[in-house]
C-alpha atoms as a PDB file:
ATOM      1  CA  UNK A   1       0.317   0.477  -0.051  1.00  0.00           C
ATOM      2  CA  UNK A   2       1.575   3.675  -1.249  1.00  0.00           C
ATOM      3  CA  UNK A   3       0.609   5.901   1.480  1.00  0.00           C
ATOM      4  CA  UNK A   4       0.914   9.621   0.995  1.00  0.00           C
ATOM      5  CA  UNK A   5      -0.654  12.886   3.506  1.00  0.00           C
ATOM      6  CA  UNK A   6      -3.743  12.237   2.201  1.00  0.00           C
ATOM      7  CA  UNK A   7      -4.663   8.134   2.928  1.00  0.00           C
ATOM      8  CA  UNK A   8      -2.344   9.180   6.589  1.00  0.00           C
ATOM      9  CA  UNK A   9      -5.108  12.108   6.985  1.00  0.00           C
ATOM     10  CA  UNK A  10      -7.874   8.642   6.124  1.00  0.00           C
ATOM     11  CA  UNK A  11      -6.522   6.702   8.970  1.00  0.00           C
ATOM     12  CA  UNK A  12      -6.421   9.344  11.897  1.00  0.00           C
ATOM     13  CA  UNK A  13     -10.191  10.298  10.671  1.00  0.00           C
ATOM     14  CA  UNK A  14     -11.184   6.737  10.677  1.00  0.00           C
ATOM     15  CA  UNK A  15      -9.425   5.997  14.157  1.00  0.00           C
ATOM     16  CA  UNK A  16     -11.161   8.792  15.210  1.00  0.00           C
ATOM     17  CA  UNK A  17     -14.657   8.140  14.222  1.00  0.00           C
ATOM     18  CA  UNK A  18     -14.589   4.250  15.620  1.00  0.00           C
ATOM     19  CA  UNK A  19     -13.288   5.385  19.144  1.00  0.00           C
ATOM     20  CA  UNK A  20     -16.141   8.295  19.044  1.00  0.00           C
ATOM     21  CA  UNK A  21     -18.551   6.037  17.939  1.00  0.00           C
ATOM     22  CA  UNK A  22     -18.601   4.328  20.927  1.00  0.00           C
ATOM     23  CA  UNK A  23     -16.485   6.197  23.610  1.00  0.00           C
ATOM     24  CA  UNK A  24     -19.541   7.927  25.588  1.00  0.00           C
ATOM     25  CA  UNK A  25     -20.697   3.885  26.657  1.00  0.00           C
ATOM     26  CA  UNK A  26     -17.790   3.461  28.571  1.00  0.00           C
ATOM     27  CA  UNK A  27     -18.161   4.830  31.421  1.00  0.00           C
ATOM     28  CA  UNK A  28     -18.804   2.255  34.710  1.00  0.00           C
ATOM     29  CA  UNK A  29     -18.425  -0.436  33.029  1.00  0.00           C
ATOM     30  CA  UNK A  30     -18.764  -3.433  34.681  1.00  0.00           C
ATOM     31  CA  UNK A  31     -15.803  -7.458  34.775  1.00  0.00           C
ATOM     32  CA  UNK A  32     -16.729  -9.434  31.606  1.00  0.00           C
ATOM     33  CA  UNK A  33     -17.490 -12.713  34.425  1.00  0.00           C
ATOM     34  CA  UNK A  34     -16.456 -16.083  31.966  1.00  0.00           C
ATOM     35  CA  UNK A  35     -18.347 -18.401  30.572  1.00  0.00           C
ATOM     36  CA  UNK A  36     -17.822 -22.425  29.884  1.00  0.00           C
ATOM     37  CA  UNK A  37     -17.690 -23.347  25.935  1.00  0.00           C
ATOM     38  CA  UNK A  38     -20.552 -24.765  24.076  1.00  0.00           C
ATOM     39  CA  UNK A  39     -21.770 -25.951  21.382  1.00  0.00           C
ATOM     40  CA  UNK A  40     -25.204 -25.556  19.665  1.00  0.00           C
ATOM     41  CA  UNK A  41     -28.980 -25.580  20.943  1.00  0.00           C
ATOM     42  CA  UNK A  42     -28.004 -27.793  23.626  1.00  0.00           C
ATOM     43  CA  UNK A  43     -25.617 -25.970  25.233  1.00  0.00           C
ATOM     44  CA  UNK A  44     -27.705 -22.714  25.010  1.00  0.00           C
ATOM     45  CA  UNK A  45     -27.112 -21.285  22.342  1.00  0.00           C
ATOM     46  CA  UNK A  46     -29.414 -19.916  19.586  1.00  0.00           C
ATOM     47  CA  UNK A  47     -28.148 -22.199  16.501  1.00  0.00           C
ATOM     48  CA  UNK A  48     -26.762 -25.898  16.725  1.00  0.00           C
ATOM     49  CA  UNK A  49     -23.625 -24.245  14.705  1.00  0.00           C
ATOM     50  CA  UNK A  50     -22.364 -21.887  17.136  1.00  0.00           C
ATOM     51  CA  UNK A  51     -19.847 -22.482  19.593  1.00  0.00           C
ATOM     52  CA  UNK A  52     -18.954 -19.843  22.724  1.00  0.00           C
ATOM     53  CA  UNK A  53     -16.025 -18.356  21.389  1.00  0.00           C
ATOM     54  CA  UNK A  54     -12.547 -19.037  23.716  1.00  0.00           C
ATOM     55  CA  UNK A  55     -12.669 -15.840  25.940  1.00  0.00           C
ATOM     56  CA  UNK A  56     -15.457 -12.813  26.680  1.00  0.00           C
ATOM     57  CA  UNK A  57     -15.171  -9.339  26.006  1.00  0.00           C
ATOM     58  CA  UNK A  58     -12.158  -8.363  22.548  1.00  0.00           C
ATOM     59  CA  UNK A  59     -11.199  -4.451  22.291  1.00  0.00           C
ATOM     60  CA  UNK A  60     -12.534  -1.315  24.339  1.00  0.00           C
ATOM     61  CA  UNK A  61     -14.289   0.897  23.033  1.00  0.00           C
ATOM     62  CA  UNK A  62     -12.002   3.449  21.051  1.00  0.00           C
ATOM     63  CA  UNK A  63     -10.578   0.459  18.765  1.00  0.00           C
ATOM     64  CA  UNK A  64     -14.059  -1.923  18.954  1.00  0.00           C
ATOM     65  CA  UNK A  65     -14.147  -2.830  14.997  1.00  0.00           C
ATOM     66  CA  UNK A  66     -15.548  -0.786  12.710  1.00  0.00           C
ATOM     67  CA  UNK A  67     -17.984   1.645  14.610  1.00  0.00           C
ATOM     68  CA  UNK A  68     -20.050  -0.953  14.255  1.00  0.00           C
ATOM     69  CA  UNK A  69     -19.864  -3.906  15.614  1.00  0.00           C
ATOM     70  CA  UNK A  70     -23.266  -5.619  17.703  1.00  0.00           C
ATOM     71  CA  UNK A  71     -21.303  -7.480  20.373  1.00  0.00           C
ATOM     72  CA  UNK A  72     -19.362  -4.412  21.159  1.00  0.00           C
ATOM     73  CA  UNK A  73     -23.137  -2.735  20.681  1.00  0.00           C
ATOM     74  CA  UNK A  74     -25.108  -5.572  23.185  1.00  0.00           C
ATOM     75  CA  UNK A  75     -22.118  -5.983  25.624  1.00  0.00           C
ATOM     76  CA  UNK A  76     -21.895  -1.519  26.208  1.00  0.00           C
ATOM     77  CA  UNK A  77     -26.086  -1.553  26.368  1.00  0.00           C
ATOM     78  CA  UNK A  78     -26.127  -4.553  28.908  1.00  0.00           C
ATOM     79  CA  UNK A  79     -23.162  -2.247  30.908  1.00  0.00           C
ATOM     80  CA  UNK A  80     -20.188  -4.281  30.518  1.00  0.00           C
ATOM     81  CA  UNK A  81     -16.555  -3.469  29.653  1.00  0.00           C
ATOM     82  CA  UNK A  82     -16.427  -5.115  25.801  1.00  0.00           C
ATOM     83  CA  UNK A  83     -12.768  -4.092  26.336  1.00  0.00           C
ATOM     84  CA  UNK A  84     -11.363  -6.416  28.716  1.00  0.00           C
ATOM     85  CA  UNK A  85     -10.730 -10.475  27.707  1.00  0.00           C
ATOM     86  CA  UNK A  86     -11.745 -13.103  29.882  1.00  0.00           C
ATOM     87  CA  UNK A  87     -10.821 -16.271  28.935  1.00  0.00           C
ATOM     88  CA  UNK A  88     -13.893 -18.738  28.998  1.00  0.00           C
ATOM     89  CA  UNK A  89     -13.675 -22.145  30.307  1.00  0.00           C
ATOM     90  CA  UNK A  90     -13.559 -25.757  28.715  1.00  0.00           C
ATOM     91  CA  UNK A  91     -14.329 -28.762  29.931  1.00  0.00           C
ATOM     92  CA  UNK A  92     -13.972 -31.486  27.237  1.00  0.00           C
ATOM     93  CA  UNK A  93     -16.763 -33.790  28.545  1.00  0.00           C
ATOM     94  CA  UNK A  94     -19.464 -30.861  28.960  1.00  0.00           C
ATOM     95  CA  UNK A  95     -18.207 -30.017  25.408  1.00  0.00           C
ATOM     96  CA  UNK A  96     -18.495 -33.598  23.521  1.00  0.00           C
ATOM     97  CA  UNK A  97     -21.487 -33.968  24.647  1.00  0.00           C
ATOM     98  CA  UNK A  98     -22.954 -31.286  23.550  1.00  0.00           C
ATOM     99  CA  UNK A  99     -21.164 -32.057  20.102  1.00  0.00           C
ATOM    100  CA  UNK A 100     -22.821 -35.741  21.027  1.00  0.00           C
ATOM    101  CA  UNK A 101     -26.765 -34.598  20.837  1.00  0.00           C
ATOM    102  CA  UNK A 102     -26.228 -32.675  17.814  1.00  0.00           C
ATOM    103  CA  UNK A 103     -28.536 -32.973  14.179  1.00  0.00           C
ATOM    104  CA  UNK A 104     -26.542 -35.573  12.189  1.00  0.00           C
ATOM    105  CA  UNK A 105     -26.818 -32.960   9.517  1.00  0.00           C
ATOM    106  CA  UNK A 106     -24.336 -30.595  10.940  1.00  0.00           C
ATOM    107  CA  UNK A 107     -20.986 -30.821   9.913  1.00  0.00           C
ATOM    108  CA  UNK A 108     -19.365 -27.276  10.608  1.00  0.00           C
ATOM    109  CA  UNK A 109     -19.568 -25.344  13.752  1.00  0.00           C
ATOM    110  CA  UNK A 110     -18.538 -21.709  14.107  1.00  0.00           C
ATOM    111  CA  UNK A 111     -16.354 -19.579  16.546  1.00  0.00           C
ATOM    112  CA  UNK A 112     -15.418 -16.461  17.053  1.00  0.00           C
ATOM    113  CA  UNK A 113     -18.838 -14.466  16.784  1.00  0.00           C
ATOM    114  CA  UNK A 114     -18.716 -12.635  20.208  1.00  0.00           C
ATOM    115  CA  UNK A 115     -15.124 -12.429  20.202  1.00  0.00           C
ATOM    116  CA  UNK A 116     -11.885 -13.212  18.509  1.00  0.00           C
ATOM    117  CA  UNK A 117     -10.186 -16.685  18.605  1.00  0.00           C
ATOM    118  CA  UNK A 118      -7.106 -15.337  17.756  1.00  0.00           C
ATOM    119  CA  UNK A 119      -6.944 -13.875  21.745  1.00  0.00           C
ATOM    120  CA  UNK A 120      -6.313 -17.469  22.762  1.00  0.00           C
ATOM    121  CA  UNK A 121      -4.761 -19.617  19.984  1.00  0.00           C
ATOM    122  CA  UNK A 122      -3.559 -22.366  21.607  1.00  0.00           C
ATOM    123  CA  UNK A 123      -7.155 -22.969  23.434  1.00  0.00           C
ATOM    124  CA  UNK A 124      -9.320 -22.568  19.739  1.00  0.00           C
ATOM    125  CA  UNK A 125      -6.918 -25.057  18.348  1.00  0.00           C
ATOM    126  CA  UNK A 126      -7.871 -28.274  20.932  1.00  0.00           C
ATOM    127  CA  UNK A 127     -11.439 -26.559  20.306  1.00  0.00           C
ATOM    128  CA  UNK A 128     -11.362 -27.339  17.313  1.00  0.00           C
ATOM    129  CA  UNK A 129      -9.633 -31.178  17.844  1.00  0.00           C
ATOM    130  CA  UNK A 130     -12.289 -31.961  20.446  1.00  0.00           C
ATOM    131  CA  UNK A 131     -15.227 -31.315  17.212  1.00  0.00           C
ATOM    132  CA  UNK A 132     -13.070 -32.857  14.597  1.00  0.00           C
ATOM    133  CA  UNK A 133     -12.734 -35.999  17.498  1.00  0.00           C
ATOM    134  CA  UNK A 134     -16.896 -35.565  16.181  1.00  0.00           C
ATOM    135  CA  UNK A 135     -16.507 -35.946  12.753  1.00  0.00           C
ATOM    136  CA  UNK A 136     -17.225 -31.898  11.783  1.00  0.00           C
ATOM    137  CA  UNK A 137     -15.796 -28.888  10.532  1.00  0.00           C
ATOM    138  CA  UNK A 138     -14.641 -25.514  12.008  1.00  0.00           C
ATOM    139  CA  UNK A 139     -14.990 -22.548  11.208  1.00  0.00           C
ATOM    140  CA  UNK A 140     -12.929 -19.428  12.833  1.00  0.00           C
ATOM    141  CA  UNK A 141     -13.907 -16.085  12.630  1.00  0.00           C
ATOM    142  CA  UNK A 142     -11.471 -13.406  13.348  1.00  0.00           C
ATOM    143  CA  UNK A 143      -8.767 -10.554  12.555  1.00  0.00           C
ATOM    144  CA  UNK A 144      -6.095 -11.854  13.600  1.00  0.00           C
ATOM    145  CA  UNK A 145      -5.072 -10.049  16.793  1.00  0.00           C
ATOM    146  CA  UNK A 146      -2.100 -12.037  17.240  1.00  0.00           C
ATOM    147  CA  UNK A 147      -0.424 -14.162  15.326  1.00  0.00           C
ATOM    148  CA  UNK A 148      -0.847 -17.705  14.925  1.00  0.00           C
ATOM    149  CA  UNK A 149       2.405 -19.707  16.088  1.00  0.00           C
ATOM    150  CA  UNK A 150       3.375 -22.848  13.341  1.00  0.00           C
ATOM    151  CA  UNK A 151       3.103 -25.227  16.016  1.00  0.00           C
ATOM    152  CA  UNK A 152      -0.752 -23.621  16.298  1.00  0.00           C
ATOM    153  CA  UNK A 153      -1.109 -23.966  12.603  1.00  0.00           C
ATOM    154  CA  UNK A 154      -0.453 -27.401  11.994  1.00  0.00           C
ATOM    155  CA  UNK A 155      -2.696 -28.122  14.697  1.00  0.00           C
ATOM    156  CA  UNK A 156      -5.394 -26.220  12.870  1.00  0.00           C
ATOM    157  CA  UNK A 157      -4.251 -27.823   9.560  1.00  0.00           C
ATOM    158  CA  UNK A 158      -4.570 -31.302  11.079  1.00  0.00           C
ATOM    159  CA  UNK A 159      -7.717 -31.171  11.809  1.00  0.00           C
ATOM    160  CA  UNK A 160      -8.840 -29.146   8.782  1.00  0.00           C
ATOM    161  CA  UNK A 161     -10.104 -25.927  10.488  1.00  0.00           C
ATOM    162  CA  UNK A 162     -10.937 -23.333   8.164  1.00  0.00           C
ATOM    163  CA  UNK A 163      -9.698 -20.102   9.445  1.00  0.00           C
ATOM    164  CA  UNK A 164     -11.910 -16.792   7.603  1.00  0.00           C
ATOM    165  CA  UNK A 165      -9.941 -13.539   8.097  1.00  0.00           C
ATOM    166  CA  UNK A 166     -11.738 -10.513   8.487  1.00  0.00           C
ATOM    167  CA  UNK A 167     -10.730  -7.165   6.083  1.00  0.00           C
ATOM    168  CA  UNK A 168     -11.758  -4.283   5.445  1.00  0.00           C
ATOM    169  CA  UNK A 169     -10.075  -0.331   3.975  1.00  0.00           C
ATOM    170  CA  UNK A 170     -11.130   0.437   7.218  1.00  0.00           C
ATOM    171  CA  UNK A 171      -7.805  -1.356   8.666  1.00  0.00           C
ATOM    172  CA  UNK A 172      -5.228   0.632   8.765  1.00  0.00           C
ATOM    173  CA  UNK A 173      -2.446  -0.317   6.862  1.00  0.00           C
ATOM    174  CA  UNK A 174      -0.432  -1.783   8.842  1.00  0.00           C
ATOM    175  CA  UNK A 175      -3.609  -4.587  10.486  1.00  0.00           C
ATOM    176  CA  UNK A 176      -4.269  -5.268   6.608  1.00  0.00           C
ATOM    177  CA  UNK A 177      -1.003  -6.060   6.064  1.00  0.00           C
ATOM    178  CA  UNK A 178      -0.711  -7.947   8.895  1.00  0.00           C
ATOM    179  CA  UNK A 179      -4.083 -10.161   7.959  1.00  0.00           C
ATOM    180  CA  UNK A 180      -3.285 -10.425   5.023  1.00  0.00           C
ATOM    181  CA  UNK A 181       0.133 -12.242   5.779  1.00  0.00           C
ATOM    182  CA  UNK A 182      -1.526 -14.381   8.164  1.00  0.00           C
ATOM    183  CA  UNK A 183      -3.664 -15.345   4.750  1.00  0.00           C
ATOM    184  CA  UNK A 184      -1.150 -15.967   2.754  1.00  0.00           C
ATOM    185  CA  UNK A 185       0.834 -17.943   5.844  1.00  0.00           C
ATOM    186  CA  UNK A 186      -2.050 -20.301   6.751  1.00  0.00           C
ATOM    187  CA  UNK A 187      -3.095 -21.437   3.278  1.00  0.00           C
ATOM    188  CA  UNK A 188       0.775 -21.589   2.887  1.00  0.00           C
ATOM    189  CA  UNK A 189       0.649 -23.899   5.946  1.00  0.00           C
ATOM    190  CA  UNK A 190      -1.644 -26.478   4.254  1.00  0.00           C
ATOM    191  CA  UNK A 191      -5.229 -24.612   5.503  1.00  0.00           C
ATOM    192  CA  UNK A 192      -8.257 -22.698   4.555  1.00  0.00           C
ATOM    193  CA  UNK A 193      -7.907 -19.051   4.767  1.00  0.00           C
ATOM    194  CA  UNK A 194     -10.904 -17.301   3.278  1.00  0.00           C
ATOM    195  CA  UNK A 195     -10.433 -13.297   2.975  1.00  0.00           C
ATOM    196  CA  UNK A 196     -13.727 -12.026   4.414  1.00  0.00           C
ATOM    197  CA  UNK A 197     -13.619  -8.836   2.434  1.00  0.00           C
ATOM    198  CA  UNK A 198     -16.291  -6.503   5.378  1.00  0.00           C
ATOM    199  CA  UNK A 199     -17.390  -4.194   2.001  1.00  0.00           C
ATOM    200  CA  UNK A 200     -19.241  -0.697   2.319  1.00  0.00           C
ATOM    201  CA  UNK A 201     -19.882   2.271  -0.875  1.00  0.00           C
ATOM    202  CA  UNK A 202     -16.792   4.701   0.990  1.00  0.00           C
ATOM    203  CA  UNK A 203     -17.676   8.560   0.398  1.00  0.00           C
ATOM    204  CA  UNK A 204     -14.335   9.439   0.189  1.00  0.00           C
ATOM    205  CA  UNK A 205     -12.510   7.638  -3.397  1.00  0.00           C
ATOM    206  CA  UNK A 206      -9.407   6.539  -1.730  1.00  0.00           C
ATOM    207  CA  UNK A 207     -11.471   4.355   0.685  1.00  0.00           C
ATOM    208  CA  UNK A 208     -12.997   2.398  -2.294  1.00  0.00           C
ATOM    209  CA  UNK A 209      -9.741   1.705  -4.102  1.00  0.00           C
ATOM    210  CA  UNK A 210      -8.331   0.485  -1.286  1.00  0.00           C
ATOM    211  CA  UNK A 211     -10.808  -1.205  -0.689  1.00  0.00           C
ATOM    212  CA  UNK A 212     -10.279  -2.465  -4.711  1.00  0.00           C
ATOM    213  CA  UNK A 213      -6.839  -2.430  -3.855  1.00  0.00           C
ATOM    214  CA  UNK A 214      -7.485  -5.330  -1.085  1.00  0.00           C
ATOM    215  CA  UNK A 215      -9.464  -7.896  -3.845  1.00  0.00           C
ATOM    216  CA  UNK A 216      -6.666  -7.376  -6.222  1.00  0.00           C
ATOM    217  CA  UNK A 217      -4.563  -8.974  -4.181  1.00  0.00           C
ATOM    218  CA  UNK A 218      -7.111 -11.775  -2.978  1.00  0.00           C
ATOM    219  CA  UNK A 219      -7.845 -12.831  -6.637  1.00  0.00           C
ATOM    220  CA  UNK A 220      -3.765 -12.251  -6.682  1.00  0.00           C
ATOM    221  CA  UNK A 221      -3.259 -14.649  -4.548  1.00  0.00           C
ATOM    222  CA  UNK A 222      -5.383 -17.284  -5.870  1.00  0.00           C
ATOM    223  CA  UNK A 223      -7.355 -17.862  -2.436  1.00  0.00           C
ATOM    224  CA  UNK A 224     -11.664 -17.738  -2.052  1.00  0.00           C
ATOM    225  CA  UNK A 225     -12.650 -14.837  -0.725  1.00  0.00           C
ATOM    226  CA  UNK A 226     -16.065 -13.871   0.500  1.00  0.00           C
ATOM    227  CA  UNK A 227     -17.318 -10.580   0.840  1.00  0.00           C
ATOM    228  CA  UNK A 228     -19.793  -9.559   4.166  1.00  0.00           C
ATOM    229  CA  UNK A 229     -21.435  -6.392   3.528  1.00  0.00           C
ATOM    230  CA  UNK A 230     -21.077  -4.199   6.539  1.00  0.00           C
ATOM    231  CA  UNK A 231     -23.881  -3.273   8.697  1.00  0.00           C
ATOM    232  CA  UNK A 232     -23.950   0.436  10.530  1.00  0.00           C
ATOM    233  CA  UNK A 233     -26.317   3.080  12.084  1.00  0.00           C
ATOM    234  CA  UNK A 234     -26.478   5.758   9.693  1.00  0.00           C
ATOM    235  CA  UNK A 235     -26.513   8.276  12.776  1.00  0.00           C
ATOM    236  CA  UNK A 236     -23.003   7.112  14.567  1.00  0.00           C
ATOM    237  CA  UNK A 237     -20.438   9.134  13.760  1.00  0.00           C
ATOM    238  CA  UNK A 238     -18.370   6.559  11.898  1.00  0.00           C
ATOM    239  CA  UNK A 239     -21.606   6.689   8.863  1.00  0.00           C
ATOM    240  CA  UNK A 240     -19.888   9.980   8.031  1.00  0.00           C
ATOM    241  CA  UNK A 241     -17.065   7.521   5.821  1.00  0.00           C
ATOM    242  CA  UNK A 242     -20.373   6.036   4.285  1.00  0.00           C
ATOM    243  CA  UNK A 243     -22.511   6.394   1.386  1.00  0.00           C
ATOM    244  CA  UNK A 244     -25.463   6.172   2.470  1.00  0.00           C
ATOM    245  CA  UNK A 245     -27.471   6.931  -0.278  1.00  0.00           C
ATOM    246  CA  UNK A 246     -25.828   3.664  -2.304  1.00  0.00           C
ATOM    247  CA  UNK A 247     -27.190   1.392   1.510  1.00  0.00           C
ATOM    248  CA  UNK A 248     -30.981   0.669   2.620  1.00  0.00           C
ATOM    249  CA  UNK A 249     -31.972  -0.256   5.685  1.00  0.00           C
ATOM    250  CA  UNK A 250     -31.793  -3.927   6.884  1.00  0.00           C
ATOM    251  CA  UNK A 251     -35.049  -5.092   7.375  1.00  0.00           C
ATOM    252  CA  UNK A 252     -36.855  -4.333   9.885  1.00  0.00           C
ATOM    253  CA  UNK A 253     -33.400  -3.384  12.135  1.00  0.00           C
ATOM    254  CA  UNK A 254     -32.050   0.250  12.282  1.00  0.00           C
ATOM    255  CA  UNK A 255     -28.591  -0.414  10.270  1.00  0.00           C
ATOM    256  CA  UNK A 256     -28.372   0.186   6.749  1.00  0.00           C
ATOM    257  CA  UNK A 257     -26.197  -2.258   4.631  1.00  0.00           C
ATOM    258  CA  UNK A 258     -25.213  -2.056   0.131  1.00  0.00           C
ATOM    259  CA  UNK A 259     -24.819  -5.474  -0.028  1.00  0.00           C
ATOM    260  CA  UNK A 260     -22.562  -7.564  -1.839  1.00  0.00           C
ATOM    261  CA  UNK A 261     -20.592  -5.216  -4.141  1.00  0.00           C
ATOM    262  CA  UNK A 262     -17.657  -8.083  -5.464  1.00  0.00           C
ATOM    263  CA  UNK A 263     -19.572 -11.110  -6.126  1.00  0.00           C
ATOM    264  CA  UNK A 264     -17.580 -12.324  -8.905  1.00  0.00           C
ATOM    265  CA  UNK A 265     -14.810 -11.904  -7.407  1.00  0.00           C
ATOM    266  CA  UNK A 266     -15.844 -12.881  -3.930  1.00  0.00           C
ATOM    267  CA  UNK A 267     -17.811 -15.859  -5.066  1.00  0.00           C
ATOM    268  CA  UNK A 268     -17.501 -17.927  -1.137  1.00  0.00           C
ATOM    269  CA  UNK A 269     -20.610 -17.240   0.955  1.00  0.00           C
ATOM    270  CA  UNK A 270     -19.972 -15.718   4.460  1.00  0.00           C
ATOM    271  CA  UNK A 271     -19.976 -18.018   7.171  1.00  0.00           C
ATOM    272  CA  UNK A 272     -23.817 -17.230   8.246  1.00  0.00           C
ATOM    273  CA  UNK A 273     -25.000 -18.426   5.028  1.00  0.00           C
ATOM    274  CA  UNK A 274     -23.799 -21.637   4.218  1.00  0.00           C
ATOM    275  CA  UNK A 275     -26.250 -24.675   4.771  1.00  0.00           C
ATOM    276  CA  UNK A 276     -25.730 -26.605   7.815  1.00  0.00           C
ATOM    277  CA  UNK A 277     -23.636 -29.281   6.154  1.00  0.00           C
ATOM    278  CA  UNK A 278     -21.291 -27.136   4.650  1.00  0.00           C
ATOM    279  CA  UNK A 279     -18.096 -29.053   4.890  1.00  0.00           C
ATOM    280  CA  UNK A 280     -15.531 -26.303   3.934  1.00  0.00           C
ATOM    281  CA  UNK A 281     -13.988 -25.266  -0.092  1.00  0.00           C
ATOM    282  CA  UNK A 282     -13.092 -28.008  -2.230  1.00  0.00           C
ATOM    283  CA  UNK A 283      -9.290 -26.416  -2.099  1.00  0.00           C
ATOM    284  CA  UNK A 284      -7.240 -24.055  -0.075  1.00  0.00           C
ATOM    285  CA  UNK A 285      -7.263 -22.260  -4.121  1.00  0.00           C
ATOM    286  CA  UNK A 286      -9.294 -20.537  -5.939  1.00  0.00           C
ATOM    287  CA  UNK A 287      -8.600 -21.363  -8.988  1.00  0.00           C
ATOM    288  CA  UNK A 288      -8.592 -25.705  -7.720  1.00  0.00           C
ATOM    289  CA  UNK A 289     -12.250 -24.966  -6.973  1.00  0.00           C
ATOM    290  CA  UNK A 290     -15.427 -25.594  -9.360  1.00  0.00           C
ATOM    291  CA  UNK A 291     -16.743 -22.261  -9.588  1.00  0.00           C
ATOM    292  CA  UNK A 292     -20.474 -23.929  -9.741  1.00  0.00           C
ATOM    293  CA  UNK A 293     -19.490 -25.304  -5.964  1.00  0.00           C
ATOM    294  CA  UNK A 294     -19.640 -22.113  -4.376  1.00  0.00           C
ATOM    295  CA  UNK A 295     -23.019 -20.987  -5.866  1.00  0.00           C
ATOM    296  CA  UNK A 296     -24.274 -24.627  -3.973  1.00  0.00           C
ATOM    297  CA  UNK A 297     -23.410 -23.361  -0.841  1.00  0.00           C
ATOM    298  CA  UNK A 298     -25.289 -19.874  -0.135  1.00  0.00           C
ATOM    299  CA  UNK A 299     -27.806 -21.349   1.694  1.00  0.00           C
ATOM    300  CA  UNK A 300     -29.052 -17.939   3.137  1.00  0.00           C
ATOM    301  CA  UNK A 301     -28.058 -15.657   0.423  1.00  0.00           C
ATOM    302  CA  UNK A 302     -26.735 -11.844   1.266  1.00  0.00           C
ATOM    303  CA  UNK A 303     -28.060  -9.527  -1.373  1.00  0.00           C
ATOM    304  CA  UNK A 304     -26.021  -7.501  -3.468  1.00  0.00           C
ATOM    305  CA  UNK A 305     -25.759  -4.211  -4.620  1.00  0.00           C
ATOM    306  CA  UNK A 306     -28.011  -4.512  -6.855  1.00  0.00           C
ATOM    307  CA  UNK A 307     -30.516  -6.433  -5.325  1.00  0.00           C
ATOM    308  CA  UNK A 308     -30.172  -3.941  -1.977  1.00  0.00           C
ATOM    309  CA  UNK A 309     -31.333  -0.825  -4.777  1.00  0.00           C
ATOM    310  CA  UNK A 310     -34.295  -1.934  -6.145  1.00  0.00           C
ATOM    311  CA  UNK A 311     -38.055  -2.509  -4.423  1.00  0.00           C
ATOM    312  CA  UNK A 312     -37.547  -5.824  -3.270  1.00  0.00           C
ATOM    313  CA  UNK A 313     -37.753  -6.350   0.595  1.00  0.00           C
ATOM    314  CA  UNK A 314     -34.580  -7.051   3.091  1.00  0.00           C
ATOM    315  CA  UNK A 315     -34.052  -9.288   5.757  1.00  0.00           C
ATOM    316  CA  UNK A 316     -32.316  -9.254   7.901  1.00  0.00           C
ATOM    317  CA  UNK A 317     -29.386 -13.213   7.489  1.00  0.00           C
ATOM    318  CA  UNK A 318     -31.028 -15.491  10.044  1.00  0.00           C
ATOM    319  CA  UNK A 319     -27.992 -15.847  11.848  1.00  0.00           C
ATOM    320  CA  UNK A 320     -26.223 -12.374  11.961  1.00  0.00           C
ATOM    321  CA  UNK A 321     -25.657 -10.461  14.654  1.00  0.00           C
ATOM    322  CA  UNK A 322     -26.560 -13.462  16.888  1.00  0.00           C
ATOM    323  CA  UNK A 323     -26.925 -12.777  21.236  1.00  0.00           C
ATOM    324  CA  UNK A 324     -24.612 -14.714  24.177  1.00  0.00           C
ATOM    325  CA  UNK A 325     -27.067 -17.640  25.187  1.00  0.00           C
ATOM    326  CA  UNK A 326     -27.988 -15.415  28.262  1.00  0.00           C
ATOM    327  CA  UNK A 327     -29.852 -13.148  25.923  1.00  0.00           C
ATOM    328  CA  UNK A 328     -31.130 -16.063  23.948  1.00  0.00           C
ATOM    329  CA  UNK A 329     -35.068 -15.975  24.722  1.00  0.00           C
ATOM    330  CA  UNK A 330     -36.114 -19.812  25.874  1.00  0.00           C
END
């Protein structure tokens, strides 16, 4: 990435707006309490595709990802400090019992929806190994805040774990280099790494160009990529960076989104869109996958830009913005 005075200024402004979005909530917050790591509805989670994260908490208010993290919103609303990370507990007997009670059709489990597995890669690796013992695939959703050691990478490759790394033009150049490097490193280690571009239309052409450059990187490195349209509150400070005129309200929520901008370049569905029997992509290199295969994986599609701007009704994907267990209605 070529850094100019303009790009440095945009990066500085982005950090300021992200901090401004959640900073008013960062007062009088309680420390989070740890959870026992569970799996599926048997473990009290909203969907059979979920496991409890390896820790509670993620980033402080001034650093919340893209100023629009639903997990941070919920945590601050409940008076809990999202910036304090507390490791969760893996009781393997309890976890295996939950896995035994999953429907046979449930072939994959997602980890990294209310926090990030990269804060505790060693524990995440053990979770993946137990899931693999049950005959299922682990899909990690991460921003690679910490680097995966070669030992952890080998353990994850050995159990065929899929690592999905979220990237965005809102990342600083340093963050983006680190995240893209982590994707390539896991792929080179023999693993299935999937970059997930958190996309939107920006007002500043330099941010749109940076987003296009990320897509080119993914294509140039023959990596199967996915796209997740950023959902944002149009009244939040961070929304000053987005072109709201090219977005629409998402269902009956307060959030807006603009849909998938790169449906051909990034053909892999986000993890919330795949069917219960998802078993990963065919190959860690994009060129070695059947293009038609990707289409079969869209069980709950995210609309494209054209569909968003049409008059068709827009609903939130069924597995988007899932609450932690204690907030799930029974």
